[in-house]
């Protein structure tokens, strides 16, 4: 029996924003939604509330619709998704250039 106070066996888990299943943190993409757009946070170091989406193709395909709903509900604005997509593509290109 392992010691319940030991963190040696601990594997961090987060919930996918789309499917609501808990998964290992390593298997999820982290991103931040702010009124100006989407910021992808691959190193998970930005000081904002991070949201997670799993790498499953079904969840990734539903992310667009979820993002529209999120902006309308929490910010009271309707964002043009192509505008958000351009911003996220720029941040992804920046991540790819760093690696």
PDB file of N, CA and C in Angstrom:
ATOM      1  N   UNK A   1       0.844  -1.170   0.000  1.00  0.00           N
ATOM      2  CA  UNK A   1       0.000   0.000   0.000  1.00  0.00           C
ATOM      3  C   UNK A   1       0.897   1.243   0.000  1.00  0.00           C
ATOM      4  N   UNK A   2       0.595   2.170  -0.889  1.00  0.00           N
ATOM      5  CA  UNK A   2       1.399   3.381  -0.963  1.00  0.00           C
ATOM      6  C   UNK A   2       0.957   4.380   0.102  1.00  0.00           C
ATOM      7  N   UNK A   3       1.882   5.231   0.457  1.00  0.00           N
ATOM      8  CA  UNK A   3       1.600   6.271   1.431  1.00  0.00           C
ATOM      9  C   UNK A   3       0.673   7.305   0.796  1.00  0.00           C
ATOM     10  N   UNK A   4      -0.445   7.629   1.420  1.00  0.00           N
ATOM     11  CA  UNK A   4      -1.413   8.531   0.798  1.00  0.00           C
ATOM     12  C   UNK A   4      -0.908   9.971   0.749  1.00  0.00           C
ATOM     13  N   UNK A   5       0.142  10.290   1.501  1.00  0.00           N
ATOM     14  CA  UNK A   5       0.711  11.629   1.488  1.00  0.00           C
ATOM     15  C   UNK A   5       1.853  11.762   0.476  1.00  0.00           C
ATOM     16  N   UNK A   6       2.253  10.661  -0.111  1.00  0.00           N
ATOM     17  CA  UNK A   6       3.337  10.684  -1.097  1.00  0.00           C
ATOM     18  C   UNK A   6       2.814  11.183  -2.436  1.00  0.00           C
ATOM     19  N   UNK A   7       3.584  12.056  -3.086  1.00  0.00           N
ATOM     20  CA  UNK A   7       3.192  12.574  -4.399  1.00  0.00           C
ATOM     21  C   UNK A   7       3.960  11.880  -5.517  1.00  0.00           C
ATOM     22  N   UNK A   8       4.685  10.836  -5.207  1.00  0.00           N
ATOM     23  CA  UNK A   8       5.479  10.142  -6.205  1.00  0.00           C
ATOM     24  C   UNK A   8       4.608   9.496  -7.281  1.00  0.00           C
ATOM     25  N   UNK A   9       3.415   9.051  -6.950  1.00  0.00           N
ATOM     26  CA  UNK A   9       2.536   8.386  -7.893  1.00  0.00           C
ATOM     27  C   UNK A   9       1.539   9.341  -8.542  1.00  0.00           C
ATOM     28  N   UNK A  10       1.582  10.609  -8.160  1.00  0.00           N
ATOM     29  CA  UNK A  10       0.583  11.568  -8.636  1.00  0.00           C
ATOM     30  C   UNK A  10       0.795  11.920 -10.110  1.00  0.00           C
ATOM     31  N   UNK A  11      -0.279  11.846 -10.884  1.00  0.00           N
ATOM     32  CA  UNK A  11      -0.278  12.264 -12.286  1.00  0.00           C
ATOM     33  C   UNK A  11      -1.334  13.359 -12.413  1.00  0.00           C
ATOM     34  N   UNK A  12      -0.910  14.606 -12.753  1.00  0.00           N
ATOM     35  CA  UNK A  12      -1.900  15.688 -12.838  1.00  0.00           C
ATOM     36  C   UNK A  12      -2.933  15.442 -13.925  1.00  0.00           C
ATOM     37  N   UNK A  13      -4.175  15.756 -13.621  1.00  0.00           N
ATOM     38  CA  UNK A  13      -5.269  15.598 -14.576  1.00  0.00           C
ATOM     39  C   UNK A  13      -6.023  16.903 -14.717  1.00  0.00           C
ATOM     40  N   UNK A  14      -6.534  17.143 -15.910  1.00  0.00           N
ATOM     41  CA  UNK A  14      -7.365  18.306 -16.184  1.00  0.00           C
ATOM     42  C   UNK A  14      -8.570  17.844 -16.990  1.00  0.00           C
ATOM     43  N   UNK A  15      -9.590  18.690 -17.060  1.00  0.00           N
ATOM     44  CA  UNK A  15     -10.813  18.361 -17.779  1.00  0.00           C
ATOM     45  C   UNK A  15     -10.823  19.036 -19.133  1.00  0.00           C
ATOM     46  N   UNK A  16     -11.158  18.289 -20.153  1.00  0.00           N
ATOM     47  CA  UNK A  16     -11.305  18.833 -21.503  1.00  0.00           C
ATOM     48  C   UNK A  16     -12.521  19.755 -21.510  1.00  0.00           C
ATOM     49  N   UNK A  17     -12.369  20.945 -22.077  1.00  0.00           N
ATOM     50  CA  UNK A  17     -13.468  21.919 -22.115  1.00  0.00           C
ATOM     51  C   UNK A  17     -14.603  21.469 -23.022  1.00  0.00           C
ATOM     52  N   UNK A  18     -14.331  20.592 -23.955  1.00  0.00           N
ATOM     53  CA  UNK A  18     -15.332  20.164 -24.922  1.00  0.00           C
ATOM     54  C   UNK A  18     -16.087  18.927 -24.439  1.00  0.00           C
ATOM     55  N   UNK A  19     -15.378  17.839 -24.188  1.00  0.00           N
ATOM     56  CA  UNK A  19     -16.035  16.575 -23.846  1.00  0.00           C
ATOM     57  C   UNK A  19     -16.217  16.363 -22.345  1.00  0.00           C
ATOM     58  N   UNK A  20     -15.568  17.196 -21.521  1.00  0.00           N
ATOM     59  CA  UNK A  20     -15.694  17.155 -20.057  1.00  0.00           C
ATOM     60  C   UNK A  20     -15.129  15.894 -19.419  1.00  0.00           C
ATOM     61  N   UNK A  21     -14.261  15.168 -20.129  1.00  0.00           N
ATOM     62  CA  UNK A  21     -13.598  14.005 -19.542  1.00  0.00           C
ATOM     63  C   UNK A  21     -12.271  14.435 -18.934  1.00  0.00           C
ATOM     64  N   UNK A  22     -11.913  13.820 -17.819  1.00  0.00           N
ATOM     65  CA  UNK A  22     -10.629  14.096 -17.191  1.00  0.00           C
ATOM     66  C   UNK A  22      -9.567  13.234 -17.865  1.00  0.00           C
ATOM     67  N   UNK A  23      -8.455  13.882 -18.193  1.00  0.00           N
ATOM     68  CA  UNK A  23      -7.351  13.185 -18.842  1.00  0.00           C
ATOM     69  C   UNK A  23      -6.046  13.690 -18.265  1.00  0.00           C
ATOM     70  N   UNK A  24      -4.967  12.967 -18.559  1.00  0.00           N
ATOM     71  CA  UNK A  24      -3.652  13.395 -18.101  1.00  0.00           C
ATOM     72  C   UNK A  24      -3.306  14.743 -18.717  1.00  0.00           C
ATOM     73  N   UNK A  25      -2.639  15.556 -17.950  1.00  0.00           N
ATOM     74  CA  UNK A  25      -2.281  16.896 -18.391  1.00  0.00           C
ATOM     75  C   UNK A  25      -1.418  16.870 -19.657  1.00  0.00           C
ATOM     76  N   UNK A  26      -0.556  15.882 -19.771  1.00  0.00           N
ATOM     77  CA  UNK A  26       0.326  15.773 -20.945  1.00  0.00           C
ATOM     78  C   UNK A  26      -0.444  15.516 -22.234  1.00  0.00           C
ATOM     79  N   UNK A  27      -1.628  14.942 -22.142  1.00  0.00           N
ATOM     80  CA  UNK A  27      -2.380  14.582 -23.349  1.00  0.00           C
ATOM     81  C   UNK A  27      -3.363  15.668 -23.779  1.00  0.00           C
ATOM     82  N   UNK A  28      -3.271  16.862 -23.187  1.00  0.00           N
ATOM     83  CA  UNK A  28      -4.189  17.947 -23.518  1.00  0.00           C
ATOM     84  C   UNK A  28      -3.437  19.157 -24.067  1.00  0.00           C
ATOM     85  N   UNK A  29      -4.089  19.895 -24.963  1.00  0.00           N
ATOM     86  CA  UNK A  29      -3.572  21.171 -25.436  1.00  0.00           C
ATOM     87  C   UNK A  29      -4.071  22.258 -24.495  1.00  0.00           C
ATOM     88  N   UNK A  30      -3.192  23.190 -24.117  1.00  0.00           N
ATOM     89  CA  UNK A  30      -3.576  24.303 -23.251  1.00  0.00           C
ATOM     90  C   UNK A  30      -3.735  25.563 -24.099  1.00  0.00           C
ATOM     91  N   UNK A  31      -4.779  26.339 -23.808  1.00  0.00           N
ATOM     92  CA  UNK A  31      -4.961  27.610 -24.492  1.00  0.00           C
ATOM     93  C   UNK A  31      -5.659  28.585 -23.561  1.00  0.00           C
ATOM     94  N   UNK A  32      -5.571  29.861 -23.913  1.00  0.00           N
ATOM     95  CA  UNK A  32      -6.169  30.922 -23.122  1.00  0.00           C
ATOM     96  C   UNK A  32      -7.095  31.709 -24.029  1.00  0.00           C
ATOM     97  N   UNK A  33      -8.295  31.986 -23.566  1.00  0.00           N
ATOM     98  CA  UNK A  33      -9.235  32.827 -24.300  1.00  0.00           C
ATOM     99  C   UNK A  33      -9.339  34.167 -23.588  1.00  0.00           C
ATOM    100  N   UNK A  34      -9.034  35.232 -24.311  1.00  0.00           N
ATOM    101  CA  UNK A  34      -9.175  36.585 -23.806  1.00  0.00           C
ATOM    102  C   UNK A  34     -10.006  37.357 -24.821  1.00  0.00           C
ATOM    103  N   UNK A  35     -10.534  38.523 -24.474  1.00  0.00           N
ATOM    104  CA  UNK A  35     -11.381  39.244 -25.437  1.00  0.00           C
ATOM    105  C   UNK A  35     -10.697  39.543 -26.762  1.00  0.00           C
ATOM    106  N   UNK A  36      -9.384  39.644 -26.763  1.00  0.00           N
ATOM    107  CA  UNK A  36      -8.669  39.936 -28.006  1.00  0.00           C
ATOM    108  C   UNK A  36      -8.478  38.709 -28.894  1.00  0.00           C
ATOM    109  N   UNK A  37      -8.635  37.512 -28.350  1.00  0.00           N
ATOM    110  CA  UNK A  37      -8.485  36.310 -29.157  1.00  0.00           C
ATOM    111  C   UNK A  37      -7.986  35.112 -28.368  1.00  0.00           C
ATOM    112  N   UNK A  38      -7.477  34.140 -29.117  1.00  0.00           N
ATOM    113  CA  UNK A  38      -6.984  32.894 -28.538  1.00  0.00           C
ATOM    114  C   UNK A  38      -5.469  32.949 -28.453  1.00  0.00           C
ATOM    115  N   UNK A  39      -4.937  32.494 -27.330  1.00  0.00           N
ATOM    116  CA  UNK A  39      -3.494  32.365 -27.183  1.00  0.00           C
ATOM    117  C   UNK A  39      -3.213  30.912 -26.831  1.00  0.00           C
ATOM    118  N   UNK A  40      -2.399  30.263 -27.636  1.00  0.00           N
ATOM    119  CA  UNK A  40      -1.998  28.890 -27.351  1.00  0.00           C
ATOM    120  C   UNK A  40      -0.794  28.963 -26.419  1.00  0.00           C
ATOM    121  N   UNK A  41      -0.842  28.178 -25.361  1.00  0.00           N
ATOM    122  CA  UNK A  41       0.187  28.225 -24.314  1.00  0.00           C
ATOM    123  C   UNK A  41       0.859  26.857 -24.180  1.00  0.00           C
ATOM    124  N   UNK A  42       1.790  26.522 -25.090  1.00  0.00           N
ATOM    125  CA  UNK A  42       2.390  25.183 -25.047  1.00  0.00           C
ATOM    126  C   UNK A  42       3.266  24.944 -23.818  1.00  0.00           C
ATOM    127  N   UNK A  43       3.941  25.971 -23.309  1.00  0.00           N
ATOM    128  CA  UNK A  43       4.775  25.794 -22.113  1.00  0.00           C
ATOM    129  C   UNK A  43       3.974  25.957 -20.829  1.00  0.00           C
ATOM    130  N   UNK A  44       2.737  26.405 -20.930  1.00  0.00           N
ATOM    131  CA  UNK A  44       1.823  26.591 -19.794  1.00  0.00           C
ATOM    132  C   UNK A  44       2.420  27.527 -18.744  1.00  0.00           C
ATOM    133  N   UNK A  45       2.932  28.672 -19.198  1.00  0.00           N
ATOM    134  CA  UNK A  45       3.559  29.616 -18.286  1.00  0.00           C
ATOM    135  C   UNK A  45       2.865  30.979 -18.236  1.00  0.00           C
ATOM    136  N   UNK A  46       1.898  31.223 -19.111  1.00  0.00           N
ATOM    137  CA  UNK A  46       1.230  32.516 -19.114  1.00  0.00           C
ATOM    138  C   UNK A  46       0.320  32.650 -17.898  1.00  0.00           C
ATOM    139  N   UNK A  47       0.265  33.834 -17.287  1.00  0.00           N
ATOM    140  CA  UNK A  47      -0.490  34.002 -16.037  1.00  0.00           C
ATOM    141  C   UNK A  47      -1.969  34.294 -16.243  1.00  0.00           C
ATOM    142  N   UNK A  48      -2.665  33.401 -16.876  1.00  0.00           N
ATOM    143  CA  UNK A  48      -4.107  33.519 -17.068  1.00  0.00           C
ATOM    144  C   UNK A  48      -4.743  32.163 -16.821  1.00  0.00           C
ATOM    145  N   UNK A  49      -6.059  32.153 -16.770  1.00  0.00           N
ATOM    146  CA  UNK A  49      -6.793  30.900 -16.606  1.00  0.00           C
ATOM    147  C   UNK A  49      -6.672  30.085 -17.896  1.00  0.00           C
ATOM    148  N   UNK A  50      -6.077  28.925 -17.792  1.00  0.00           N
ATOM    149  CA  UNK A  50      -5.905  28.067 -18.961  1.00  0.00           C
ATOM    150  C   UNK A  50      -7.100  27.142 -19.123  1.00  0.00           C
ATOM    151  N   UNK A  51      -7.445  26.918 -20.348  1.00  0.00           N
ATOM    152  CA  UNK A  51      -8.464  25.945 -20.712  1.00  0.00           C
ATOM    153  C   UNK A  51      -7.770  24.830 -21.470  1.00  0.00           C
ATOM    154  N   UNK A  52      -8.358  23.669 -21.469  1.00  0.00           N
ATOM    155  CA  UNK A  52      -7.714  22.510 -22.080  1.00  0.00           C
ATOM    156  C   UNK A  52      -8.668  21.826 -23.041  1.00  0.00           C
ATOM    157  N   UNK A  53      -8.094  21.281 -24.100  1.00  0.00           N
ATOM    158  CA  UNK A  53      -8.863  20.483 -25.048  1.00  0.00           C
ATOM    159  C   UNK A  53      -8.020  19.245 -25.363  1.00  0.00           C
ATOM    160  N   UNK A  54      -8.674  18.097 -25.425  1.00  0.00           N
ATOM    161  CA  UNK A  54      -7.925  16.869 -25.699  1.00  0.00           C
ATOM    162  C   UNK A  54      -7.575  16.786 -27.182  1.00  0.00           C
ATOM    163  N   UNK A  55      -6.683  15.911 -27.499  1.00  0.00           N
ATOM    164  CA  UNK A  55      -6.165  15.800 -28.858  1.00  0.00           C
ATOM    165  C   UNK A  55      -7.054  14.961 -29.765  1.00  0.00           C
ATOM    166  N   UNK A  56      -8.204  14.580 -29.265  1.00  0.00           N
ATOM    167  CA  UNK A  56      -9.164  13.809 -30.041  1.00  0.00           C
ATOM    168  C   UNK A  56      -9.736  14.668 -31.165  1.00  0.00           C
ATOM    169  N   UNK A  57      -9.869  14.096 -32.349  1.00  0.00           N
ATOM    170  CA  UNK A  57     -10.332  14.850 -33.516  1.00  0.00           C
ATOM    171  C   UNK A  57     -11.750  15.383 -33.316  1.00  0.00           C
ATOM    172  N   UNK A  58     -12.592  14.669 -32.586  1.00  0.00           N
ATOM    173  CA  UNK A  58     -13.960  15.138 -32.331  1.00  0.00           C
ATOM    174  C   UNK A  58     -13.962  16.408 -31.488  1.00  0.00           C
ATOM    175  N   UNK A  59     -13.129  16.448 -30.465  1.00  0.00           N
ATOM    176  CA  UNK A  59     -13.063  17.640 -29.621  1.00  0.00           C
ATOM    177  C   UNK A  59     -12.464  18.819 -30.369  1.00  0.00           C
ATOM    178  N   UNK A  60     -11.440  18.566 -31.147  1.00  0.00           N
ATOM    179  CA  UNK A  60     -10.816  19.651 -31.906  1.00  0.00           C
ATOM    180  C   UNK A  60     -11.769  20.225 -32.945  1.00  0.00           C
ATOM    181  N   UNK A  61     -12.603  19.375 -33.533  1.00  0.00           N
ATOM    182  CA  UNK A  61     -13.544  19.866 -34.531  1.00  0.00           C
ATOM    183  C   UNK A  61     -14.681  20.679 -33.889  1.00  0.00           C
ATOM    184  N   UNK A  62     -14.992  20.416 -32.617  1.00  0.00           N
ATOM    185  CA  UNK A  62     -16.048  21.150 -31.920  1.00  0.00           C
ATOM    186  C   UNK A  62     -15.530  22.417 -31.241  1.00  0.00           C
ATOM    187  N   UNK A  63     -14.235  22.641 -31.277  1.00  0.00           N
ATOM    188  CA  UNK A  63     -13.648  23.785 -30.588  1.00  0.00           C
ATOM    189  C   UNK A  63     -14.145  25.107 -31.151  1.00  0.00           C
ATOM    190  N   UNK A  64     -14.361  25.200 -32.446  1.00  0.00           N
ATOM    191  CA  UNK A  64     -14.831  26.438 -33.062  1.00  0.00           C
ATOM    192  C   UNK A  64     -16.194  26.846 -32.499  1.00  0.00           C
ATOM    193  N   UNK A  65     -17.132  25.920 -32.488  1.00  0.00           N
ATOM    194  CA  UNK A  65     -18.475  26.217 -31.982  1.00  0.00           C
ATOM    195  C   UNK A  65     -18.433  26.540 -30.487  1.00  0.00           C
ATOM    196  N   UNK A  66     -17.619  25.826 -29.747  1.00  0.00           N
ATOM    197  CA  UNK A  66     -17.483  26.076 -28.320  1.00  0.00           C
ATOM    198  C   UNK A  66     -16.918  27.478 -28.080  1.00  0.00           C
ATOM    199  N   UNK A  67     -15.938  27.889 -28.882  1.00  0.00           N
ATOM    200  CA  UNK A  67     -15.340  29.208 -28.734  1.00  0.00           C
ATOM    201  C   UNK A  67     -16.336  30.323 -28.977  1.00  0.00           C
ATOM    202  N   UNK A  68     -17.203  30.156 -29.965  1.00  0.00           N
ATOM    203  CA  UNK A  68     -18.235  31.160 -30.233  1.00  0.00           C
ATOM    204  C   UNK A  68     -19.170  31.290 -29.040  1.00  0.00           C
ATOM    205  N   UNK A  69     -19.579  30.159 -28.488  1.00  0.00           N
ATOM    206  CA  UNK A  69     -20.471  30.159 -27.328  1.00  0.00           C
ATOM    207  C   UNK A  69     -19.790  30.800 -26.122  1.00  0.00           C
ATOM    208  N   UNK A  70     -18.523  30.491 -25.915  1.00  0.00           N
ATOM    209  CA  UNK A  70     -17.773  31.018 -24.780  1.00  0.00           C
ATOM    210  C   UNK A  70     -17.703  32.538 -24.842  1.00  0.00           C
ATOM    211  N   UNK A  71     -17.341  33.088 -26.005  1.00  0.00           N
ATOM    212  CA  UNK A  71     -17.235  34.544 -26.141  1.00  0.00           C
ATOM    213  C   UNK A  71     -18.579  35.225 -25.912  1.00  0.00           C
ATOM    214  N   UNK A  72     -19.629  34.643 -26.427  1.00  0.00           N
ATOM    215  CA  UNK A  72     -20.953  35.245 -26.273  1.00  0.00           C
ATOM    216  C   UNK A  72     -21.391  35.201 -24.817  1.00  0.00           C
ATOM    217  N   UNK A  73     -21.148  34.090 -24.139  1.00  0.00           N
ATOM    218  CA  UNK A  73     -21.608  33.919 -22.762  1.00  0.00           C
ATOM    219  C   UNK A  73     -20.795  34.766 -21.770  1.00  0.00           C
ATOM    220  N   UNK A  74     -19.477  34.732 -21.870  1.00  0.00           N
ATOM    221  CA  UNK A  74     -18.637  35.358 -20.863  1.00  0.00           C
ATOM    222  C   UNK A  74     -18.234  36.791 -21.180  1.00  0.00           C
ATOM    223  N   UNK A  75     -18.149  37.138 -22.440  1.00  0.00           N
ATOM    224  CA  UNK A  75     -17.734  38.489 -22.793  1.00  0.00           C
ATOM    225  C   UNK A  75     -18.863  39.317 -23.394  1.00  0.00           C
ATOM    226  N   UNK A  76     -19.975  38.690 -23.731  1.00  0.00           N
ATOM    227  CA  UNK A  76     -21.102  39.401 -24.291  1.00  0.00           C
ATOM    228  C   UNK A  76     -20.841  39.949 -25.676  1.00  0.00           C
ATOM    229  N   UNK A  77     -19.881  39.363 -26.369  1.00  0.00           N
ATOM    230  CA  UNK A  77     -19.551  39.808 -27.722  1.00  0.00           C
ATOM    231  C   UNK A  77     -19.540  38.612 -28.651  1.00  0.00           C
ATOM    232  N   UNK A  78     -19.767  38.886 -29.909  1.00  0.00           N
ATOM    233  CA  UNK A  78     -19.664  37.840 -30.910  1.00  0.00           C
ATOM    234  C   UNK A  78     -18.401  38.085 -31.700  1.00  0.00           C
ATOM    235  N   UNK A  79     -17.478  37.142 -31.636  1.00  0.00           N
ATOM    236  CA  UNK A  79     -16.218  37.270 -32.351  1.00  0.00           C
ATOM    237  C   UNK A  79     -16.329  36.582 -33.697  1.00  0.00           C
ATOM    238  N   UNK A  80     -15.638  37.140 -34.655  1.00  0.00           N
ATOM    239  CA  UNK A  80     -15.513  36.507 -35.955  1.00  0.00           C
ATOM    240  C   UNK A  80     -14.457  35.415 -35.817  1.00  0.00           C
ATOM    241  N   UNK A  81     -14.848  34.169 -36.024  1.00  0.00           N
ATOM    242  CA  UNK A  81     -13.929  33.068 -35.770  1.00  0.00           C
ATOM    243  C   UNK A  81     -12.716  33.118 -36.685  1.00  0.00           C
ATOM    244  N   UNK A  82     -12.859  33.621 -37.902  1.00  0.00           N
ATOM    245  CA  UNK A  82     -11.692  33.705 -38.786  1.00  0.00           C
ATOM    246  C   UNK A  82     -10.666  34.662 -38.200  1.00  0.00           C
ATOM    247  N   UNK A  83     -11.122  35.709 -37.511  1.00  0.00           N
ATOM    248  CA  UNK A  83     -10.216  36.639 -36.837  1.00  0.00           C
ATOM    249  C   UNK A  83      -9.464  35.915 -35.725  1.00  0.00           C
ATOM    250  N   UNK A  84     -10.180  35.086 -34.956  1.00  0.00           N
ATOM    251  CA  UNK A  84      -9.550  34.315 -33.896  1.00  0.00           C
ATOM    252  C   UNK A  84      -8.592  33.292 -34.464  1.00  0.00           C
ATOM    253  N   UNK A  85      -8.968  32.678 -35.566  1.00  0.00           N
ATOM    254  CA  UNK A  85      -8.143  31.656 -36.191  1.00  0.00           C
ATOM    255  C   UNK A  85      -6.812  32.240 -36.649  1.00  0.00           C
ATOM    256  N   UNK A  86      -6.845  33.448 -37.186  1.00  0.00           N
ATOM    257  CA  UNK A  86      -5.608  34.103 -37.614  1.00  0.00           C
ATOM    258  C   UNK A  86      -4.686  34.344 -36.431  1.00  0.00           C
ATOM    259  N   UNK A  87      -5.242  34.796 -35.312  1.00  0.00           N
ATOM    260  CA  UNK A  87      -4.434  35.043 -34.134  1.00  0.00           C
ATOM    261  C   UNK A  87      -3.851  33.753 -33.593  1.00  0.00           C
ATOM    262  N   UNK A  88      -4.630  32.679 -33.575  1.00  0.00           N
ATOM    263  CA  UNK A  88      -4.119  31.414 -33.056  1.00  0.00           C
ATOM    264  C   UNK A  88      -3.071  30.836 -34.009  1.00  0.00           C
ATOM    265  N   UNK A  89      -3.245  31.027 -35.317  1.00  0.00           N
ATOM    266  CA  UNK A  89      -2.245  30.551 -36.266  1.00  0.00           C
ATOM    267  C   UNK A  89      -0.920  31.276 -36.064  1.00  0.00           C
ATOM    268  N   UNK A  90      -0.977  32.575 -35.787  1.00  0.00           N
ATOM    269  CA  UNK A  90       0.255  33.328 -35.531  1.00  0.00           C
ATOM    270  C   UNK A  90       0.947  32.792 -34.288  1.00  0.00           C
ATOM    271  N   UNK A  91       0.188  32.511 -33.235  1.00  0.00           N
ATOM    272  CA  UNK A  91       0.817  32.011 -32.018  1.00  0.00           C
ATOM    273  C   UNK A  91       1.353  30.596 -32.220  1.00  0.00           C
ATOM    274  N   UNK A  92       0.685  29.778 -33.030  1.00  0.00           N
ATOM    275  CA  UNK A  92       1.178  28.433 -33.319  1.00  0.00           C
ATOM    276  C   UNK A  92       2.463  28.529 -34.137  1.00  0.00           C
ATOM    277  N   UNK A  93       2.520  29.436 -35.100  1.00  0.00           N
ATOM    278  CA  UNK A  93       3.731  29.599 -35.892  1.00  0.00           C
ATOM    279  C   UNK A  93       4.886  30.031 -35.009  1.00  0.00           C
ATOM    280  N   UNK A  94       4.612  30.893 -34.031  1.00  0.00           N
ATOM    281  CA  UNK A  94       5.657  31.311 -33.096  1.00  0.00           C
ATOM    282  C   UNK A  94       6.157  30.146 -32.273  1.00  0.00           C
ATOM    283  N   UNK A  95       5.267  29.257 -31.886  1.00  0.00           N
ATOM    284  CA  UNK A  95       5.650  28.073 -31.113  1.00  0.00           C
ATOM    285  C   UNK A  95       6.485  27.151 -31.976  1.00  0.00           C
ATOM    286  N   UNK A  96       6.087  26.940 -33.215  1.00  0.00           N
ATOM    287  CA  UNK A  96       6.816  26.051 -34.107  1.00  0.00           C
ATOM    288  C   UNK A  96       8.214  26.588 -34.397  1.00  0.00           C
ATOM    289  N   UNK A  97       8.365  27.912 -34.481  1.00  0.00           N
ATOM    290  CA  UNK A  97       9.668  28.495 -34.750  1.00  0.00           C
ATOM    291  C   UNK A  97      10.599  28.365 -33.576  1.00  0.00           C
ATOM    292  N   UNK A  98      10.056  28.320 -32.362  1.00  0.00           N
ATOM    293  CA  UNK A  98      10.884  28.196 -31.160  1.00  0.00           C
ATOM    294  C   UNK A  98      11.453  26.801 -30.994  1.00  0.00           C
ATOM    295  N   UNK A  99      10.784  25.797 -31.510  1.00  0.00           N
ATOM    296  CA  UNK A  99      11.205  24.411 -31.281  1.00  0.00           C
ATOM    297  C   UNK A  99      12.309  23.998 -32.197  1.00  0.00           C
TER     298      UNK A  99
END
